[in-house]
């Protein structure tokens, strides 16, 4: 419902099937009917990733996306960044985590 609502708020259509496919990609398909308030911080972070990628944005902005995630969750973020790249999208990643640097083609240190 959250992904459907987000699409409607942006004046876009989406199908329940497309929403379930996004939830599958981020590892939440089995929790699709659960209330987000019952999720752990890691599952909430995956929900945020699902919201960010569901509409296939041209620009994906991520700020320390794996900070509350376990290894499986980190793999989900890595997969979504690669998916963004293969479909021609751009990702800007702000991070202090050295484990996330390998996801970048270009690094800018401030």
N, C-alpha and C. Protein backbone atom coordinates (compact mmCIF):
# COMPACT_ATOMS: atom_id res chain seq x y z
N UNK A 1 0.81 -1.20 0.00
CA UNK A 1 0.00 0.00 0.00
C UNK A 1 0.86 1.26 0.00
N UNK A 2 1.99 1.22 0.69
CA UNK A 2 2.85 2.39 0.77
C UNK A 2 3.40 2.77 -0.60
N UNK A 3 3.83 1.78 -1.37
CA UNK A 3 4.35 2.05 -2.72
C UNK A 3 3.24 2.55 -3.64
N UNK A 4 2.06 1.98 -3.52
CA UNK A 4 0.91 2.45 -4.31
C UNK A 4 0.56 3.89 -3.97
N UNK A 5 0.57 4.21 -2.68
CA UNK A 5 0.24 5.56 -2.24
C UNK A 5 1.27 6.56 -2.75
N UNK A 6 2.55 6.19 -2.67
CA UNK A 6 3.60 7.09 -3.14
C UNK A 6 3.42 7.39 -4.63
N UNK A 7 3.13 6.39 -5.42
CA UNK A 7 2.93 6.61 -6.85
C UNK A 7 1.75 7.53 -7.09
N UNK A 8 0.65 7.31 -6.38
CA UNK A 8 -0.52 8.18 -6.52
C UNK A 8 -0.21 9.61 -6.13
N UNK A 9 0.58 9.80 -5.07
CA UNK A 9 0.94 11.14 -4.62
C UNK A 9 1.76 11.89 -5.67
N UNK A 10 2.47 11.15 -6.49
CA UNK A 10 3.27 11.74 -7.56
C UNK A 10 2.52 11.77 -8.89
N UNK A 11 1.24 11.45 -8.83
CA UNK A 11 0.41 11.49 -10.03
C UNK A 11 0.74 10.41 -11.03
N UNK A 12 1.30 9.32 -10.55
CA UNK A 12 1.69 8.21 -11.42
C UNK A 12 0.87 6.98 -11.09
N UNK A 13 0.78 6.13 -12.05
CA UNK A 13 0.13 4.85 -11.84
C UNK A 13 1.17 3.77 -11.58
N UNK A 14 0.78 2.78 -10.86
CA UNK A 14 1.61 1.60 -10.66
C UNK A 14 0.67 0.45 -10.36
N UNK A 15 1.13 -0.74 -10.57
CA UNK A 15 0.30 -1.91 -10.30
C UNK A 15 0.74 -2.60 -9.03
N UNK A 16 -0.17 -3.36 -8.48
CA UNK A 16 0.18 -4.15 -7.30
C UNK A 16 1.31 -5.12 -7.64
N UNK A 17 1.29 -5.65 -8.85
CA UNK A 17 2.34 -6.57 -9.29
C UNK A 17 3.70 -5.88 -9.29
N UNK A 18 3.75 -4.65 -9.82
CA UNK A 18 5.01 -3.90 -9.85
C UNK A 18 5.50 -3.62 -8.42
N UNK A 19 4.58 -3.31 -7.54
CA UNK A 19 4.94 -3.08 -6.14
C UNK A 19 5.51 -4.34 -5.50
N UNK A 20 4.87 -5.46 -5.75
CA UNK A 20 5.36 -6.73 -5.20
C UNK A 20 6.72 -7.10 -5.77
N UNK A 21 6.96 -6.77 -7.04
CA UNK A 21 8.28 -7.03 -7.63
C UNK A 21 9.36 -6.18 -6.95
N UNK A 22 9.05 -4.93 -6.65
CA UNK A 22 10.01 -4.08 -5.93
C UNK A 22 10.26 -4.63 -4.54
N UNK A 23 9.21 -5.04 -3.85
CA UNK A 23 9.38 -5.61 -2.52
C UNK A 23 10.20 -6.89 -2.56
N UNK A 24 10.03 -7.67 -3.61
CA UNK A 24 10.83 -8.89 -3.78
C UNK A 24 12.31 -8.53 -3.93
N UNK A 25 12.60 -7.51 -4.74
CA UNK A 25 13.99 -7.10 -4.96
C UNK A 25 14.69 -6.67 -3.68
N UNK A 26 13.95 -6.04 -2.77
CA UNK A 26 14.57 -5.57 -1.53
C UNK A 26 14.36 -6.53 -0.36
N UNK A 27 13.79 -7.70 -0.65
CA UNK A 27 13.65 -8.72 0.38
C UNK A 27 12.51 -8.50 1.35
N UNK A 28 11.45 -7.84 0.89
CA UNK A 28 10.31 -7.59 1.76
C UNK A 28 9.02 -8.24 1.29
N UNK A 29 9.08 -9.09 0.29
CA UNK A 29 7.85 -9.65 -0.27
C UNK A 29 7.05 -10.45 0.76
N UNK A 30 7.72 -11.12 1.66
CA UNK A 30 7.00 -11.91 2.66
C UNK A 30 6.39 -11.03 3.75
N UNK A 31 6.80 -9.77 3.80
CA UNK A 31 6.26 -8.84 4.80
C UNK A 31 5.34 -7.80 4.17
N UNK A 32 4.91 -8.04 2.92
CA UNK A 32 4.13 -7.06 2.16
C UNK A 32 2.84 -6.66 2.87
N UNK A 33 2.25 -7.52 3.64
CA UNK A 33 0.99 -7.21 4.32
C UNK A 33 1.18 -6.71 5.74
N UNK A 34 2.43 -6.66 6.19
CA UNK A 34 2.71 -6.24 7.57
C UNK A 34 2.77 -4.72 7.68
N UNK A 35 2.47 -4.21 8.85
CA UNK A 35 2.56 -2.79 9.12
C UNK A 35 4.04 -2.41 9.28
N UNK A 36 4.44 -1.31 8.68
CA UNK A 36 5.84 -0.86 8.75
C UNK A 36 6.24 -0.61 10.20
N UNK A 37 5.31 -0.17 11.03
CA UNK A 37 5.65 0.12 12.43
C UNK A 37 6.11 -1.12 13.19
N UNK A 38 5.85 -2.32 12.65
CA UNK A 38 6.29 -3.54 13.31
C UNK A 38 7.68 -3.97 12.86
N UNK A 39 8.27 -3.24 11.89
CA UNK A 39 9.56 -3.62 11.32
C UNK A 39 10.72 -3.20 12.23
N UNK A 40 11.79 -3.96 12.15
CA UNK A 40 13.05 -3.57 12.78
C UNK A 40 13.62 -2.37 12.01
N UNK A 41 14.66 -1.76 12.55
CA UNK A 41 15.26 -0.61 11.86
C UNK A 41 15.82 -1.02 10.50
N UNK A 42 16.36 -2.22 10.40
CA UNK A 42 16.88 -2.71 9.13
C UNK A 42 15.79 -2.90 8.09
N UNK A 43 14.65 -3.45 8.50
CA UNK A 43 13.54 -3.62 7.56
C UNK A 43 12.93 -2.28 7.18
N UNK A 44 12.94 -1.34 8.10
CA UNK A 44 12.46 0.01 7.76
C UNK A 44 13.39 0.65 6.74
N UNK A 45 14.68 0.42 6.89
CA UNK A 45 15.63 0.96 5.91
C UNK A 45 15.40 0.33 4.53
N UNK A 46 15.12 -0.96 4.50
CA UNK A 46 14.79 -1.60 3.22
C UNK A 46 13.52 -1.02 2.62
N UNK A 47 12.56 -0.66 3.47
CA UNK A 47 11.33 -0.01 3.01
C UNK A 47 11.66 1.32 2.35
N UNK A 48 12.56 2.07 2.95
CA UNK A 48 12.99 3.35 2.39
C UNK A 48 13.66 3.13 1.04
N UNK A 49 14.47 2.09 0.94
CA UNK A 49 15.12 1.77 -0.35
C UNK A 49 14.04 1.43 -1.38
N UNK A 50 13.05 0.64 -0.99
CA UNK A 50 11.97 0.29 -1.93
C UNK A 50 11.25 1.54 -2.41
N UNK A 51 10.97 2.47 -1.50
CA UNK A 51 10.31 3.72 -1.89
C UNK A 51 11.19 4.53 -2.84
N UNK A 52 12.48 4.51 -2.60
CA UNK A 52 13.41 5.29 -3.42
C UNK A 52 13.54 4.73 -4.83
N UNK A 53 13.51 3.42 -4.98
CA UNK A 53 13.80 2.83 -6.30
C UNK A 53 12.55 2.43 -7.08
N UNK A 54 11.41 2.35 -6.43
CA UNK A 54 10.21 1.82 -7.09
C UNK A 54 9.83 2.60 -8.35
N UNK A 55 9.95 3.90 -8.31
CA UNK A 55 9.54 4.72 -9.45
C UNK A 55 10.65 4.88 -10.48
N UNK A 56 11.75 4.14 -10.35
CA UNK A 56 12.87 4.17 -11.30
C UNK A 56 13.34 5.60 -11.58
N UNK A 57 13.81 6.29 -10.55
CA UNK A 57 14.22 7.68 -10.75
C UNK A 57 15.48 7.78 -11.60
N UNK A 58 15.61 8.90 -12.30
CA UNK A 58 16.84 9.15 -13.08
C UNK A 58 18.00 9.40 -12.14
N UNK A 59 17.73 10.01 -10.99
CA UNK A 59 18.75 10.33 -9.99
C UNK A 59 18.33 9.72 -8.66
N UNK A 60 19.19 8.89 -8.12
CA UNK A 60 18.96 8.24 -6.84
C UNK A 60 19.93 8.83 -5.83
N UNK A 61 19.40 9.51 -4.81
CA UNK A 61 20.23 10.11 -3.77
C UNK A 61 20.18 9.24 -2.52
N UNK A 62 21.34 8.78 -2.08
CA UNK A 62 21.40 7.90 -0.92
C UNK A 62 22.36 8.48 0.12
N UNK A 63 21.91 8.59 1.35
CA UNK A 63 22.74 9.11 2.44
C UNK A 63 22.95 7.98 3.44
N UNK A 64 24.15 7.46 3.47
CA UNK A 64 24.52 6.34 4.33
C UNK A 64 23.44 5.25 4.34
N UNK A 65 23.17 4.69 3.18
CA UNK A 65 22.04 3.76 3.05
C UNK A 65 22.18 2.44 3.78
N UNK A 66 23.38 2.03 4.14
CA UNK A 66 23.53 0.72 4.77
C UNK A 66 23.80 0.80 6.27
N UNK A 67 23.65 1.98 6.84
CA UNK A 67 24.05 2.18 8.23
C UNK A 67 23.33 1.27 9.22
N UNK A 68 22.08 0.95 8.99
CA UNK A 68 21.33 0.10 9.94
C UNK A 68 21.09 -1.30 9.37
N UNK A 69 21.78 -1.64 8.30
CA UNK A 69 21.50 -2.90 7.63
C UNK A 69 22.50 -4.00 7.97
N UNK A 70 22.00 -5.23 7.97
CA UNK A 70 22.87 -6.39 8.10
C UNK A 70 23.48 -6.69 6.73
N UNK A 71 24.23 -7.75 6.64
CA UNK A 71 24.92 -8.07 5.38
C UNK A 71 23.94 -8.28 4.24
N UNK A 72 22.84 -8.95 4.48
CA UNK A 72 21.84 -9.17 3.43
C UNK A 72 21.27 -7.83 2.98
N UNK A 73 20.99 -6.95 3.91
CA UNK A 73 20.48 -5.63 3.57
C UNK A 73 21.49 -4.82 2.77
N UNK A 74 22.77 -4.93 3.12
CA UNK A 74 23.82 -4.25 2.35
C UNK A 74 23.86 -4.77 0.92
N UNK A 75 23.66 -6.07 0.76
CA UNK A 75 23.63 -6.64 -0.59
C UNK A 75 22.44 -6.11 -1.39
N UNK A 76 21.32 -5.87 -0.72
CA UNK A 76 20.15 -5.30 -1.38
C UNK A 76 20.49 -3.91 -1.93
N UNK A 77 21.13 -3.08 -1.10
CA UNK A 77 21.50 -1.73 -1.54
C UNK A 77 22.49 -1.82 -2.69
N UNK A 78 23.47 -2.68 -2.58
CA UNK A 78 24.45 -2.86 -3.66
C UNK A 78 23.75 -3.26 -4.95
N UNK A 79 22.83 -4.20 -4.87
CA UNK A 79 22.07 -4.66 -6.04
C UNK A 79 21.28 -3.52 -6.65
N UNK A 80 20.65 -2.71 -5.83
CA UNK A 80 19.84 -1.61 -6.34
C UNK A 80 20.70 -0.52 -6.99
N UNK A 81 21.88 -0.27 -6.45
CA UNK A 81 22.79 0.70 -7.08
C UNK A 81 23.24 0.17 -8.43
N UNK A 82 23.55 -1.12 -8.51
CA UNK A 82 23.93 -1.72 -9.80
C UNK A 82 22.75 -1.69 -10.78
N UNK A 83 21.56 -1.95 -10.28
CA UNK A 83 20.36 -1.90 -11.13
C UNK A 83 20.16 -0.48 -11.68
N UNK A 84 20.36 0.50 -10.82
CA UNK A 84 20.24 1.91 -11.24
C UNK A 84 21.25 2.22 -12.35
N UNK A 85 22.46 1.74 -12.19
CA UNK A 85 23.52 1.99 -13.17
C UNK A 85 23.20 1.30 -14.49
N UNK A 86 22.74 0.06 -14.47
CA UNK A 86 22.49 -0.67 -15.71
C UNK A 86 21.31 -0.11 -16.50
N UNK A 87 20.37 0.53 -15.82
CA UNK A 87 19.25 1.12 -16.55
C UNK A 87 19.54 2.57 -16.94
N UNK A 88 20.78 3.03 -16.70
CA UNK A 88 21.19 4.36 -17.14
C UNK A 88 20.96 5.47 -16.14
N UNK A 89 20.61 5.13 -14.92
CA UNK A 89 20.38 6.15 -13.89
C UNK A 89 21.67 6.52 -13.19
N UNK A 90 21.62 7.60 -12.47
CA UNK A 90 22.76 8.12 -11.72
C UNK A 90 22.47 7.98 -10.23
N UNK A 91 23.49 7.59 -9.48
CA UNK A 91 23.37 7.49 -8.02
C UNK A 91 24.40 8.40 -7.39
N UNK A 92 23.95 9.20 -6.43
CA UNK A 92 24.85 10.00 -5.61
C UNK A 92 24.77 9.40 -4.21
N UNK A 93 25.92 9.01 -3.70
CA UNK A 93 25.99 8.30 -2.43
C UNK A 93 26.84 9.11 -1.46
N UNK A 94 26.25 9.56 -0.36
CA UNK A 94 26.99 10.24 0.70
C UNK A 94 27.26 9.22 1.79
N UNK A 95 28.52 9.04 2.15
CA UNK A 95 28.85 8.01 3.12
C UNK A 95 30.16 8.27 3.82
N UNK A 96 30.27 7.75 5.01
CA UNK A 96 31.53 7.70 5.74
C UNK A 96 31.98 6.25 5.91
N UNK A 97 31.21 5.34 5.36
CA UNK A 97 31.45 3.91 5.52
C UNK A 97 32.37 3.40 4.41
N UNK A 98 33.57 2.96 4.75
CA UNK A 98 34.49 2.47 3.72
C UNK A 98 33.94 1.27 2.94
N UNK A 99 32.99 0.52 3.53
CA UNK A 99 32.41 -0.62 2.82
C UNK A 99 31.54 -0.18 1.65
N UNK A 100 31.10 1.07 1.66
CA UNK A 100 30.24 1.56 0.58
C UNK A 100 31.04 2.19 -0.56
N UNK A 101 32.29 2.48 -0.35
CA UNK A 101 33.08 3.17 -1.37
C UNK A 101 33.24 2.35 -2.64
N UNK A 102 33.25 1.04 -2.53
CA UNK A 102 33.40 0.19 -3.73
C UNK A 102 32.20 0.32 -4.67
N UNK A 103 31.11 0.90 -4.19
CA UNK A 103 29.92 1.08 -5.01
C UNK A 103 30.04 2.27 -5.96
N UNK A 104 31.06 3.06 -5.76
CA UNK A 104 31.20 4.33 -6.50
C UNK A 104 32.19 4.21 -7.65
N UNK A 105 31.87 4.89 -8.74
CA UNK A 105 32.81 5.02 -9.85
C UNK A 105 33.75 6.20 -9.62
N UNK A 106 33.23 7.25 -8.98
CA UNK A 106 33.99 8.45 -8.71
C UNK A 106 33.81 8.81 -7.25
N UNK A 107 34.92 9.16 -6.58
CA UNK A 107 34.86 9.55 -5.18
C UNK A 107 35.23 11.02 -5.06
N UNK A 108 34.49 11.74 -4.23
CA UNK A 108 34.77 13.12 -3.91
C UNK A 108 34.88 13.18 -2.39
N UNK A 109 36.07 13.50 -1.91
CA UNK A 109 36.30 13.55 -0.47
C UNK A 109 36.27 15.00 -0.02
N UNK A 110 35.41 15.29 0.94
CA UNK A 110 35.29 16.65 1.47
C UNK A 110 35.87 16.73 2.85
